[in-house]
Amino acid sequence: MDTLKYEEDFKLLNQNFHLIKQLQKSQKNNENESDDSKSDQINKLIEESIYKIEEIKVLEDQNVLLLGMKTTLLYERSKLLTNLNQHQDAEELLAQCLKDINDFITSKELIYLSLRIINHYAYLLSKREDYTEARKILELGEKVYETADIKNGFWSSDDLFAGTLLATTNATSRLEHLVTNNLQMLAFVYSKMELHDKFAEYHHRVLDRQLLLDDKEPLVWSFKSTTLAAYLSANNRFEYRSEESFRGC
C-alpha cells in the first residue's frame, strides 16, 4: 500500500467533511434565505468524497472505518434531501444506509452513526404518520444501544474522518442525548398508536434518563413529570399494583 497516497487521501476526506459541516452551518444560520449554491457545493463534496473512498485500498481491519465514512456522507446527503423536501428519497437512502451497516451496526465505529440514522429516519416516518414503521426503527435503535459495548469508547463522525478515536466526554454526552431523544420519539409513537402502558413506561424512562444525565431544563422536566402523573391517574394506571408489589421498594 502506498502510505503517502493513503495519508493524502484521508487528509482530503477530512478536509471535505469539514467543508460540508461548514456549509451546513452557514445554511442553518441563513435558513430564511434560499441558497441552492450551497446545496450544490455540499452535494458535490459528498460525491467527490464517496468516489475517493471507493478508490482507497486498505487493510481488511480498516474496511469498517471506510464503511462508516461512506455511510456518514450518505447520511449527510439524506439531510440535504430533507432540506430540499425530497423526503421519500431521503427515507430510501436512510433505509439503504441501515441495510449497508447491518452486519457492523453495534461496532464502535458505527454505533453513534447508526443511532443518528435511526433518529432521522424515524423522524421522517413519524412526520408522515407511518407510526408502525417508525416503531420498528426506534425499537431497533433501543436494541442496538443495549447491545453495543461503548465502555471502551466509540467513534463520532469527526473521529471517523480524523482517523483517530478521541472518545471525549462531549461525544459521550451527545450519544446519550441522542439515545434519550430516540426513546422520547418512541414514547410519542406509542402514544399515537394508543399503546398507553408503553407510552407511560417510555415517557417515565426518558424522564429518568434526563434526571440521571442532567439533560433537562428543571421547569420543563417538572411539567412533564406532573403531566405523566396526571395521565397515569386519569387512565387508572396505578390500580394494578397490589400491596405486595410495594414490598422491598
Protein backbone atom coordinates (compact mmCIF):
# COMPACT_ATOMS: atom_id res chain seq x y z
CA MET A 1 0.00 0.00 0.00
CA ASP A 2 1.30 3.49 -0.88
CA THR A 3 1.45 5.04 2.61
CA LEU A 4 1.91 8.61 1.37
CA LYS A 5 -1.06 8.44 -1.00
CA TYR A 6 -3.13 6.77 1.74
CA GLU A 7 -2.41 9.67 4.11
CA GLU A 8 -3.15 12.24 1.40
CA ASP A 9 -6.47 10.56 0.58
CA PHE A 10 -7.57 10.63 4.21
CA LYS A 11 -6.44 14.23 4.58
CA LEU A 12 -8.61 15.16 1.58
CA LEU A 13 -11.60 13.27 3.03
CA ASN A 14 -11.17 15.03 6.36
CA GLN A 15 -10.98 18.43 4.65
CA ASN A 16 -14.06 17.72 2.55
CA PHE A 17 -16.05 16.58 5.57
CA HIS A 18 -15.26 19.75 7.50
CA LEU A 19 -16.16 21.85 4.46
CA ILE A 20 -19.52 20.05 4.33
CA LYS A 21 -20.13 20.85 8.01
CA GLN A 22 -19.18 24.49 7.48
CA LEU A 23 -21.56 24.83 4.54
CA GLN A 24 -24.34 23.17 6.55
CA LYS A 25 -23.75 25.58 9.41
CA SER A 26 -23.86 28.51 7.00
CA GLN A 27 -27.16 27.22 5.59
CA LYS A 28 -28.61 26.85 9.07
CA ASN A 29 -27.61 30.39 10.04
CA ASN A 30 -29.32 31.70 6.90
CA GLU A 31 -32.26 29.31 6.79
CA ASN A 32 -34.67 32.02 5.69
CA GLU A 33 -32.65 32.54 2.53
CA SER A 34 -32.77 30.23 -0.46
CA ASP A 35 -29.23 29.18 -1.31
CA ASP A 36 -29.13 26.43 -3.90
CA SER A 37 -25.44 27.08 -4.49
CA LYS A 38 -24.51 25.79 -1.02
CA SER A 39 -26.65 22.68 -1.53
CA ASP A 40 -24.88 22.08 -4.83
CA GLN A 41 -21.48 22.51 -3.17
CA ILE A 42 -22.40 20.07 -0.40
CA ASN A 43 -23.65 17.51 -2.88
CA LYS A 44 -20.50 17.88 -4.99
CA LEU A 45 -18.25 17.37 -1.95
CA ILE A 46 -20.24 14.29 -0.94
CA GLU A 47 -19.95 12.82 -4.44
CA GLU A 48 -16.23 13.53 -4.60
CA SER A 49 -15.63 12.00 -1.18
CA ILE A 50 -17.63 8.84 -1.85
CA TYR A 51 -15.73 8.35 -5.10
CA LYS A 52 -12.43 8.74 -3.23
CA ILE A 53 -13.48 6.25 -0.53
CA GLU A 54 -14.34 3.64 -3.13
CA GLU A 55 -10.90 4.12 -4.69
CA ILE A 56 -8.95 3.60 -1.48
CA LYS A 57 -7.41 0.21 -0.90
CA VAL A 58 -6.90 -0.52 2.79
CA LEU A 59 -6.19 -3.38 5.13
CA GLU A 60 -9.16 -5.59 6.00
CA ASP A 61 -9.48 -4.25 9.55
CA GLN A 62 -9.99 -0.73 8.17
CA ASN A 63 -12.96 -1.64 5.98
CA VAL A 64 -15.45 -0.79 8.75
CA LEU A 65 -13.84 2.63 9.12
CA LEU A 66 -14.29 3.33 5.41
CA LEU A 67 -17.84 1.99 5.53
CA GLY A 68 -18.53 4.41 8.38
CA MET A 69 -17.12 7.32 6.40
CA LYS A 70 -19.13 6.48 3.30
CA THR A 71 -22.33 5.96 5.28
CA THR A 72 -21.78 9.24 7.13
CA LEU A 73 -21.66 11.03 3.78
CA LEU A 74 -24.86 9.29 2.66
CA TYR A 75 -26.49 10.31 5.94
CA GLU A 76 -25.46 13.92 5.28
CA ARG A 77 -26.97 13.60 1.81
CA SER A 78 -30.25 12.42 3.37
CA LYS A 79 -30.30 15.58 5.48
CA LEU A 80 -29.72 17.63 2.34
CA LEU A 81 -32.60 15.84 0.59
CA THR A 82 -34.82 16.51 3.61
CA ASN A 83 -34.00 20.22 3.46
CA LEU A 84 -34.96 20.15 -0.22
CA ASN A 85 -38.29 18.49 0.73
CA GLN A 86 -37.34 15.29 -1.09
CA HIS A 87 -38.47 13.19 1.85
CA GLN A 88 -39.11 9.94 0.01
CA ASP A 89 -35.61 9.97 -1.48
CA ALA A 90 -34.19 10.73 1.96
CA GLU A 91 -36.09 7.80 3.50
CA GLU A 92 -34.93 5.39 0.82
CA LEU A 93 -31.34 6.48 1.34
CA LEU A 94 -31.57 6.04 5.12
CA ALA A 95 -33.11 2.58 4.70
CA GLN A 96 -30.20 1.63 2.43
CA CYS A 97 -27.71 3.00 4.97
CA LEU A 98 -29.13 0.76 7.70
CA LYS A 99 -29.00 -2.21 5.36
CA ASP A 100 -25.38 -1.49 4.41
CA ILE A 101 -24.13 -1.27 8.01
CA ASN A 102 -26.34 -4.01 9.46
CA ASP A 103 -23.50 -6.52 9.97
CA PHE A 104 -21.44 -3.99 11.97
CA ILE A 105 -24.20 -1.83 13.44
CA THR A 106 -23.08 -2.24 17.08
CA SER A 107 -19.35 -1.79 16.35
CA LYS A 108 -17.50 1.10 18.00
CA GLU A 109 -17.05 2.69 14.57
CA LEU A 110 -20.76 2.66 13.68
CA ILE A 111 -22.84 2.74 16.88
CA TYR A 112 -23.13 6.54 17.03
CA LEU A 113 -23.76 6.84 13.30
CA SER A 114 -26.40 4.10 13.37
CA LEU A 115 -28.34 5.90 16.12
CA ARG A 116 -28.21 9.16 14.15
CA ILE A 117 -29.56 7.40 11.06
CA ILE A 118 -32.33 5.78 13.11
CA ASN A 119 -33.23 9.13 14.67
CA HIS A 120 -33.56 10.92 11.33
CA TYR A 121 -35.34 8.01 9.64
CA ALA A 122 -37.87 7.66 12.48
CA TYR A 123 -38.48 11.42 12.39
CA LEU A 124 -39.36 11.29 8.68
CA LEU A 125 -41.59 8.24 9.17
CA SER A 126 -43.41 9.89 12.08
CA LYS A 127 -43.83 13.08 10.11
CA ARG A 128 -45.90 11.23 7.52
CA GLU A 129 -47.64 9.27 10.30
CA ASP A 130 -46.18 5.86 9.48
CA TYR A 131 -46.03 5.00 13.17
CA THR A 132 -45.79 1.24 12.63
CA GLU A 133 -42.53 1.54 10.70
CA ALA A 134 -41.24 4.29 12.99
CA ARG A 135 -41.83 1.96 15.95
CA LYS A 136 -39.80 -0.82 14.31
CA ILE A 137 -36.90 1.51 13.57
CA LEU A 138 -36.84 3.06 17.05
CA GLU A 139 -37.11 -0.32 18.78
CA LEU A 140 -34.16 -1.41 16.65
CA GLY A 141 -32.27 1.64 17.92
CA GLU A 142 -33.02 0.69 21.51
CA LYS A 143 -31.73 -2.85 20.91
CA VAL A 144 -28.60 -1.54 19.16
CA TYR A 145 -27.78 0.73 22.11
CA GLU A 146 -28.36 -2.01 24.68
CA THR A 147 -26.23 -4.49 22.72
CA ALA A 148 -23.28 -2.22 21.90
CA ASP A 149 -20.23 -2.06 24.13
CA ILE A 150 -19.41 1.63 24.45
CA LYS A 151 -17.43 1.46 27.70
CA ASN A 152 -14.16 1.47 25.78
CA GLY A 153 -15.17 4.32 23.52
CA PHE A 154 -16.88 4.78 20.17
CA TRP A 155 -16.24 6.78 17.04
CA SER A 156 -18.02 10.05 16.34
CA SER A 157 -18.34 11.33 12.78
CA ASP A 158 -15.36 13.63 13.34
CA ASP A 159 -13.33 10.67 14.63
CA LEU A 160 -14.07 8.64 11.51
CA PHE A 161 -12.71 11.33 9.23
CA ALA A 162 -9.80 12.19 11.51
CA GLY A 163 -8.84 8.52 11.59
CA THR A 164 -8.42 8.50 15.36
CA LEU A 165 -10.62 7.71 18.35
CA LEU A 166 -10.82 10.68 20.71
CA ALA A 167 -13.69 9.40 22.90
CA THR A 168 -14.28 12.78 24.50
CA THR A 169 -16.78 13.44 27.28
CA ASN A 170 -18.65 15.69 24.88
CA ALA A 171 -19.04 12.83 22.39
CA THR A 172 -20.39 10.54 25.13
CA SER A 173 -22.84 13.24 26.18
CA ARG A 174 -24.03 13.63 22.57
CA LEU A 175 -24.58 9.88 22.24
CA GLU A 176 -26.57 9.66 25.48
CA HIS A 177 -28.63 12.70 24.46
CA LEU A 178 -29.33 11.00 21.13
CA VAL A 179 -30.47 7.81 22.89
CA THR A 180 -32.78 9.85 25.12
CA ASN A 181 -34.17 11.63 22.07
CA ASN A 182 -34.86 8.31 20.34
CA LEU A 183 -36.66 6.97 23.43
CA GLN A 184 -38.69 10.17 23.61
CA MET A 185 -39.71 9.72 19.98
CA LEU A 186 -40.62 6.10 20.72
CA ALA A 187 -42.85 7.24 23.60
CA PHE A 188 -44.54 9.65 21.18
CA VAL A 189 -45.08 6.84 18.66
CA TYR A 190 -46.58 4.57 21.33
CA SER A 191 -48.93 7.41 22.27
CA LYS A 192 -50.05 7.84 18.66
CA MET A 193 -50.63 4.07 18.41
CA GLU A 194 -52.69 4.25 21.64
CA LEU A 195 -50.34 1.85 23.41
CA HIS A 196 -50.92 3.64 26.70
CA ASP A 197 -48.86 1.44 29.01
CA LYS A 198 -45.92 1.54 26.61
CA PHE A 199 -46.22 5.31 26.32
CA ALA A 200 -46.21 5.73 30.10
CA GLU A 201 -43.27 3.34 30.54
CA TYR A 202 -41.08 5.05 27.96
CA HIS A 203 -42.06 8.57 28.96
CA HIS A 204 -41.02 7.64 32.50
CA ARG A 205 -37.72 6.21 31.23
CA VAL A 206 -37.00 9.43 29.34
CA LEU A 207 -37.60 11.49 32.49
CA ASP A 208 -35.32 9.17 34.48
CA ARG A 209 -32.55 9.48 31.89
CA GLN A 210 -32.86 13.25 31.77
CA LEU A 211 -32.58 13.40 35.55
CA LEU A 212 -29.63 10.99 35.68
CA LEU A 213 -27.73 12.70 32.84
CA ASP A 214 -28.73 16.22 33.93
CA ASP A 215 -30.06 16.63 30.39
CA LYS A 216 -33.05 18.78 31.21
CA GLU A 217 -34.50 22.18 31.94
CA PRO A 218 -35.89 21.96 35.51
CA LEU A 219 -39.22 23.65 34.81
CA VAL A 220 -39.85 21.64 31.64
CA TRP A 221 -38.86 18.40 33.38
CA SER A 222 -41.17 19.15 36.33
CA PHE A 223 -44.05 19.95 33.99
CA LYS A 224 -43.56 16.70 32.06
CA SER A 225 -43.38 14.70 35.29
CA THR A 226 -46.60 16.27 36.52
CA THR A 227 -48.25 15.64 33.16
CA LEU A 228 -47.23 11.97 33.27
CA ALA A 229 -48.59 11.59 36.81
CA ALA A 230 -51.88 13.19 35.76
CA TYR A 231 -52.05 10.90 32.73
CA LEU A 232 -51.46 7.79 34.84
CA SER A 233 -54.06 8.87 37.35
CA ALA A 234 -56.67 9.76 34.73
CA ASN A 235 -56.22 6.42 32.99
CA ASN A 236 -56.19 4.38 36.20
CA ARG A 237 -52.65 3.21 35.54
CA PHE A 238 -51.86 2.97 39.24
CA GLU A 239 -54.60 0.50 40.14
CA TYR A 240 -52.80 -2.65 39.01
CA ARG A 241 -50.13 -2.58 41.72
CA SER A 242 -51.11 -4.71 44.69
CA GLU A 243 -49.92 -4.07 48.23
CA GLU A 244 -47.40 -6.91 47.87
CA SER A 245 -45.82 -5.25 44.84
CA PHE A 246 -44.58 -2.38 47.02
CA ARG A 247 -42.66 -4.61 49.42
CA GLY A 248 -38.93 -4.11 49.25
CA CYS A 249 -39.27 -0.78 47.41
